[in-house]
PDB file of all heavy atoms in Angstrom:
ATOM      1  N   THR A   1      67.796  99.401 174.163  1.00  0.00           N
ATOM      2  CA  THR A   1      66.416  99.583 173.728  1.00  0.00           C
ATOM      3  C   THR A   1      66.130  98.704 172.518  1.00  0.00           C
ATOM      4  O   THR A   1      66.876  98.709 171.543  1.00  0.00           O
ATOM      5  CB  THR A   1      66.159 101.056 173.376  1.00  0.00           C
ATOM      6  OG1 THR A   1      66.485 101.863 174.512  1.00  0.00           O
ATOM      7  CG2 THR A   1      64.722 101.291 172.982  1.00  0.00           C
ATOM      8  N   GLY A   2      65.074  97.911 172.606  1.00  0.00           N
ATOM      9  CA  GLY A   2      64.676  97.049 171.507  1.00  0.00           C
ATOM     10  C   GLY A   2      65.497  95.780 171.356  1.00  0.00           C
ATOM     11  O   GLY A   2      65.319  95.033 170.410  1.00  0.00           O
ATOM     12  N   GLN A   3      66.405  95.529 172.303  1.00  0.00           N
ATOM     13  CA  GLN A   3      67.286  94.361 172.227  1.00  0.00           C
ATOM     14  C   GLN A   3      66.961  93.390 173.365  1.00  0.00           C
ATOM     15  O   GLN A   3      66.294  93.739 174.331  1.00  0.00           O
ATOM     16  CB  GLN A   3      68.747  94.809 172.361  1.00  0.00           C
ATOM     17  CG  GLN A   3      69.186  95.810 171.327  1.00  0.00           C
ATOM     18  CD  GLN A   3      69.501  95.174 169.994  1.00  0.00           C
ATOM     19  OE1 GLN A   3      69.961  94.039 169.934  1.00  0.00           O
ATOM     20  NE2 GLN A   3      69.265  95.894 168.923  1.00  0.00           N
ATOM     21  N   ALA A   4      67.493  92.190 173.249  1.00  0.00           N
ATOM     22  CA  ALA A   4      67.336  91.191 174.311  1.00  0.00           C
ATOM     23  C   ALA A   4      68.218  91.544 175.504  1.00  0.00           C
ATOM     24  O   ALA A   4      69.241  92.222 175.357  1.00  0.00           O
ATOM     25  CB  ALA A   4      67.735  89.815 173.777  1.00  0.00           C
ATOM     26  N   ARG A   5      67.822  91.084 176.677  1.00  0.00           N
ATOM     27  CA  ARG A   5      68.619  91.271 177.890  1.00  0.00           C
ATOM     28  C   ARG A   5      69.777  90.283 177.852  1.00  0.00           C
ATOM     29  O   ARG A   5      69.584  89.097 177.590  1.00  0.00           O
ATOM     30  CB  ARG A   5      67.732  91.022 179.104  1.00  0.00           C
ATOM     31  CG  ARG A   5      68.433  91.252 180.423  1.00  0.00           C
ATOM     32  CD  ARG A   5      67.471  91.127 181.557  1.00  0.00           C
ATOM     33  NE  ARG A   5      67.290  89.716 181.879  1.00  0.00           N
ATOM     34  CZ  ARG A   5      66.820  89.268 183.018  1.00  0.00           C
ATOM     35  NH1 ARG A   5      66.426  90.107 183.945  1.00  0.00           N
ATOM     36  NH2 ARG A   5      66.695  87.978 183.234  1.00  0.00           N
ATOM     37  N   LEU A   6      70.995  90.761 178.124  1.00  0.00           N
ATOM     38  CA  LEU A   6      72.197  89.930 178.072  1.00  0.00           C
ATOM     39  C   LEU A   6      72.925  89.968 179.407  1.00  0.00           C
ATOM     40  O   LEU A   6      72.982  91.007 180.066  1.00  0.00           O
ATOM     41  CB  LEU A   6      73.131  90.420 176.964  1.00  0.00           C
ATOM     42  CG  LEU A   6      72.549  90.429 175.543  1.00  0.00           C
ATOM     43  CD1 LEU A   6      73.464  91.172 174.587  1.00  0.00           C
ATOM     44  CD2 LEU A   6      72.303  89.009 175.068  1.00  0.00           C
ATOM     45  N   SER A   7      73.504  88.841 179.782  1.00  0.00           N
ATOM     46  CA  SER A   7      74.259  88.745 181.036  1.00  0.00           C
ATOM     47  C   SER A   7      75.606  89.432 180.908  1.00  0.00           C
ATOM     48  O   SER A   7      76.239  89.395 179.853  1.00  0.00           O
ATOM     49  CB  SER A   7      74.505  87.279 181.400  1.00  0.00           C
ATOM     50  OG  SER A   7      73.297  86.617 181.651  1.00  0.00           O
ATOM     51  N   LEU A   8      76.040  90.022 182.018  1.00  0.00           N
ATOM     52  CA  LEU A   8      77.377  90.598 182.099  1.00  0.00           C
ATOM     53  C   LEU A   8      78.250  89.665 182.921  1.00  0.00           C
ATOM     54  O   LEU A   8      77.864  89.233 184.007  1.00  0.00           O
ATOM     55  CB  LEU A   8      77.330  91.976 182.755  1.00  0.00           C
ATOM     56  CG  LEU A   8      76.622  93.066 181.959  1.00  0.00           C
ATOM     57  CD1 LEU A   8      76.590  94.366 182.755  1.00  0.00           C
ATOM     58  CD2 LEU A   8      77.301  93.290 180.624  1.00  0.00           C
ATOM     59  N   VAL A   9      79.431  89.350 182.398  1.00  0.00           N
ATOM     60  CA  VAL A   9      80.377  88.466 183.069  1.00  0.00           C
ATOM     61  C   VAL A   9      81.508  89.337 183.613  1.00  0.00           C
ATOM     62  O   VAL A   9      82.172  90.040 182.850  1.00  0.00           O
ATOM     63  CB  VAL A   9      80.934  87.414 182.086  1.00  0.00           C
ATOM     64  CG1 VAL A   9      81.940  86.511 182.770  1.00  0.00           C
ATOM     65  CG2 VAL A   9      79.791  86.616 181.456  1.00  0.00           C
ATOM     66  N   PRO A  10      81.733  89.335 184.934  1.00  0.00           N
ATOM     67  CA  PRO A  10      82.750  90.217 185.506  1.00  0.00           C
ATOM     68  C   PRO A  10      84.164  89.852 185.059  1.00  0.00           C
ATOM     69  O   PRO A  10      84.540  88.685 185.025  1.00  0.00           O
ATOM     70  CB  PRO A  10      82.584  90.040 187.011  1.00  0.00           C
ATOM     71  CG  PRO A  10      81.758  88.827 187.210  1.00  0.00           C
ATOM     72  CD  PRO A  10      81.042  88.542 185.934  1.00  0.00           C
ATOM     73  N   VAL A  11      84.923  90.891 184.723  1.00  0.00           N
ATOM     74  CA  VAL A  11      86.342  90.765 184.417  1.00  0.00           C
ATOM     75  C   VAL A  11      87.137  91.374 185.570  1.00  0.00           C
ATOM     76  O   VAL A  11      88.141  90.836 186.003  1.00  0.00           O
ATOM     77  CB  VAL A  11      86.688  91.477 183.086  1.00  0.00           C
ATOM     78  CG1 VAL A  11      88.184  91.471 182.827  1.00  0.00           C
ATOM     79  CG2 VAL A  11      85.929  90.843 181.934  1.00  0.00           C
ATOM     80  N   SER A  12      86.654  92.523 186.052  1.00  0.00           N
ATOM     81  CA  SER A  12      87.205  93.191 187.233  1.00  0.00           C
ATOM     82  C   SER A  12      86.054  93.959 187.879  1.00  0.00           C
ATOM     83  O   SER A  12      84.906  93.853 187.436  1.00  0.00           O
ATOM     84  CB  SER A  12      88.363  94.121 186.846  1.00  0.00           C
ATOM     85  OG  SER A  12      87.911  95.179 186.038  1.00  0.00           O
ATOM     86  N   ALA A  13      86.364  94.741 188.899  1.00  0.00           N
ATOM     87  CA  ALA A  13      85.313  95.418 189.658  1.00  0.00           C
ATOM     88  C   ALA A  13      84.378  96.270 188.794  1.00  0.00           C
ATOM     89  O   ALA A  13      83.178  96.279 189.013  1.00  0.00           O
ATOM     90  CB  ALA A  13      85.938  96.276 190.749  1.00  0.00           C
ATOM     91  N   ASP A  14      84.895  96.972 187.827  1.00  0.00           N
ATOM     92  CA  ASP A  14      84.081  97.871 187.005  1.00  0.00           C
ATOM     93  C   ASP A  14      84.090  97.506 185.523  1.00  0.00           C
ATOM     94  O   ASP A  14      83.707  98.317 184.677  1.00  0.00           O
ATOM     95  CB  ASP A  14      84.573  99.319 187.153  1.00  0.00           C
ATOM     96  CG  ASP A  14      84.264  99.913 188.512  1.00  0.00           C
ATOM     97  OD1 ASP A  14      83.281  99.483 189.141  1.00  0.00           O
ATOM     98  OD2 ASP A  14      85.001 100.813 188.952  1.00  0.00           O
ATOM     99  N   HIS A  15      84.516  96.291 185.195  1.00  0.00           N
ATOM    100  CA  HIS A  15      84.673  95.898 183.793  1.00  0.00           C
ATOM    101  C   HIS A  15      84.004  94.540 183.582  1.00  0.00           C
ATOM    102  O   HIS A  15      84.259  93.594 184.319  1.00  0.00           O
ATOM    103  CB  HIS A  15      86.159  95.829 183.463  1.00  0.00           C
ATOM    104  CG  HIS A  15      86.453  95.513 182.039  1.00  0.00           C
ATOM    105  ND1 HIS A  15      87.725  95.297 181.597  1.00  0.00           N
ATOM    106  CD2 HIS A  15      85.676  95.371 180.947  1.00  0.00           C
ATOM    107  CE1 HIS A  15      87.715  95.019 180.306  1.00  0.00           C
ATOM    108  NE2 HIS A  15      86.471  95.062 179.896  1.00  0.00           N
ATOM    109  N   PHE A  16      83.176  94.453 182.539  1.00  0.00           N
ATOM    110  CA  PHE A  16      82.397  93.246 182.279  1.00  0.00           C
ATOM    111  C   PHE A  16      82.408  92.903 180.799  1.00  0.00           C
ATOM    112  O   PHE A  16      82.417  93.794 179.951  1.00  0.00           O
ATOM    113  CB  PHE A  16      80.932  93.451 182.711  1.00  0.00           C
ATOM    114  CG  PHE A  16      80.779  93.805 184.154  1.00  0.00           C
ATOM    115  CD1 PHE A  16      80.943  95.115 184.577  1.00  0.00           C
ATOM    116  CD2 PHE A  16      80.490  92.833 185.084  1.00  0.00           C
ATOM    117  CE1 PHE A  16      80.805  95.453 185.914  1.00  0.00           C
ATOM    118  CE2 PHE A  16      80.362  93.151 186.423  1.00  0.00           C
ATOM    119  CZ  PHE A  16      80.519  94.472 186.843  1.00  0.00           C
ATOM    120  N   LYS A  17      82.376  91.620 180.480  1.00  0.00           N
ATOM    121  CA  LYS A  17      82.156  91.159 179.111  1.00  0.00           C
ATOM    122  C   LYS A  17      80.669  90.880 178.966  1.00  0.00           C
ATOM    123  O   LYS A  17      80.024  90.423 179.909  1.00  0.00           O
ATOM    124  CB  LYS A  17      82.963  89.900 178.823  1.00  0.00           C
ATOM    125  CG  LYS A  17      84.450  90.155 178.724  1.00  0.00           C
ATOM    126  CD  LYS A  17      85.136  89.005 178.024  1.00  0.00           C
ATOM    127  CE  LYS A  17      86.591  89.316 177.820  1.00  0.00           C
ATOM    128  NZ  LYS A  17      86.840  90.049 176.602  1.00  0.00           N
ATOM    129  N   VAL A  18      80.142  91.166 177.781  1.00  0.00           N
ATOM    130  CA  VAL A  18      78.733  90.892 177.501  1.00  0.00           C
ATOM    131  C   VAL A  18      78.657  89.468 176.964  1.00  0.00           C
ATOM    132  O   VAL A  18      79.266  89.153 175.941  1.00  0.00           O
ATOM    133  CB  VAL A  18      78.153  91.907 176.489  1.00  0.00           C
ATOM    134  CG1 VAL A  18      76.686  91.616 176.234  1.00  0.00           C
ATOM    135  CG2 VAL A  18      78.349  93.336 176.982  1.00  0.00           C
ATOM    136  N   GLN A  19      77.924  88.615 177.666  1.00  0.00           N
ATOM    137  CA  GLN A  19      77.849  87.203 177.290  1.00  0.00           C
ATOM    138  C   GLN A  19      77.127  87.037 175.957  1.00  0.00           C
ATOM    139  O   GLN A  19      76.050  87.584 175.740  1.00  0.00           O
ATOM    140  CB  GLN A  19      77.126  86.406 178.372  1.00  0.00           C
ATOM    141  CG  GLN A  19      77.189  84.918 178.157  1.00  0.00           C
ATOM    142  CD  GLN A  19      76.640  84.153 179.351  1.00  0.00           C
ATOM    143  OE1 GLN A  19      76.004  84.704 180.227  1.00  0.00           O
ATOM    144  NE2 GLN A  19      76.900  82.857 179.376  1.00  0.00           N
ATOM    145  N   GLY A  20      77.770  86.304 175.019  1.00  0.00           N
ATOM    146  CA  GLY A  20      77.161  86.006 173.730  1.00  0.00           C
ATOM    147  C   GLY A  20      77.349  87.081 172.678  1.00  0.00           C
ATOM    148  O   GLY A  20      76.872  86.934 171.556  1.00  0.00           O
ATOM    149  N   VAL A  21      78.037  88.158 173.022  1.00  0.00           N
ATOM    150  CA  VAL A  21      78.250  89.266 172.085  1.00  0.00           C
ATOM    151  C   VAL A  21      79.704  89.714 172.227  1.00  0.00           C
ATOM    152  O   VAL A  21      80.255  89.703 173.327  1.00  0.00           O
ATOM    153  CB  VAL A  21      77.304  90.451 172.407  1.00  0.00           C
ATOM    154  CG1 VAL A  21      77.568  91.631 171.504  1.00  0.00           C
ATOM    155  CG2 VAL A  21      75.852  90.026 172.314  1.00  0.00           C
ATOM    156  N   ASP A  22      80.330  90.129 171.124  1.00  0.00           N
ATOM    157  CA  ASP A  22      81.695  90.643 171.185  1.00  0.00           C
ATOM    158  C   ASP A  22      81.641  92.098 171.626  1.00  0.00           C
ATOM    159  O   ASP A  22      81.764  93.024 170.820  1.00  0.00           O
ATOM    160  CB  ASP A  22      82.376  90.501 169.825  1.00  0.00           C
ATOM    161  CG  ASP A  22      83.853  90.852 169.877  1.00  0.00           C
ATOM    162  OD1 ASP A  22      84.423  90.889 170.997  1.00  0.00           O
ATOM    163  OD2 ASP A  22      84.437  91.112 168.815  1.00  0.00           O
ATOM    164  N   ALA A  23      81.400  92.299 172.921  1.00  0.00           N
ATOM    165  CA  ALA A  23      81.278  93.643 173.478  1.00  0.00           C
ATOM    166  C   ALA A  23      81.679  93.611 174.948  1.00  0.00           C
ATOM    167  O   ALA A  23      81.661  92.563 175.590  1.00  0.00           O
ATOM    168  CB  ALA A  23      79.845  94.156 173.339  1.00  0.00           C
ATOM    169  N   GLU A  24      82.043  94.785 175.455  1.00  0.00           N
ATOM    170  CA  GLU A  24      82.403  94.934 176.859  1.00  0.00           C
ATOM    171  C   GLU A  24      81.722  96.182 177.413  1.00  0.00           C
ATOM    172  O   GLU A  24      81.469  97.140 176.679  1.00  0.00           O
ATOM    173  CB  GLU A  24      83.920  95.073 177.023  1.00  0.00           C
ATOM    174  CG  GLU A  24      84.689  93.862 176.545  1.00  0.00           C
ATOM    175  CD  GLU A  24      86.189  94.038 176.666  1.00  0.00           C
ATOM    176  OE1 GLU A  24      86.654  95.058 177.225  1.00  0.00           O
ATOM    177  OE2 GLU A  24      86.909  93.147 176.193  1.00  0.00           O
ATOM    178  N   VAL A  25      81.444  96.149 178.702  1.00  0.00           N
ATOM    179  CA  VAL A  25      80.862  97.289 179.399  1.00  0.00           C
ATOM    180  C   VAL A  25      81.754  97.599 180.589  1.00  0.00           C
ATOM    181  O   VAL A  25      82.179  96.691 181.313  1.00  0.00           O
ATOM    182  CB  VAL A  25      79.433  96.959 179.896  1.00  0.00           C
ATOM    183  CG1 VAL A  25      78.919  98.026 180.842  1.00  0.00           C
ATOM    184  CG2 VAL A  25      78.493  96.788 178.723  1.00  0.00           C
TER     185      VAL A  25
END
């Protein structure tokens, strides 16, 4: 909420790195 939309880069089936940010989902 209130943030820019960021791409998710797949690492595995259910694990992603957030592009441009030191974060993972």
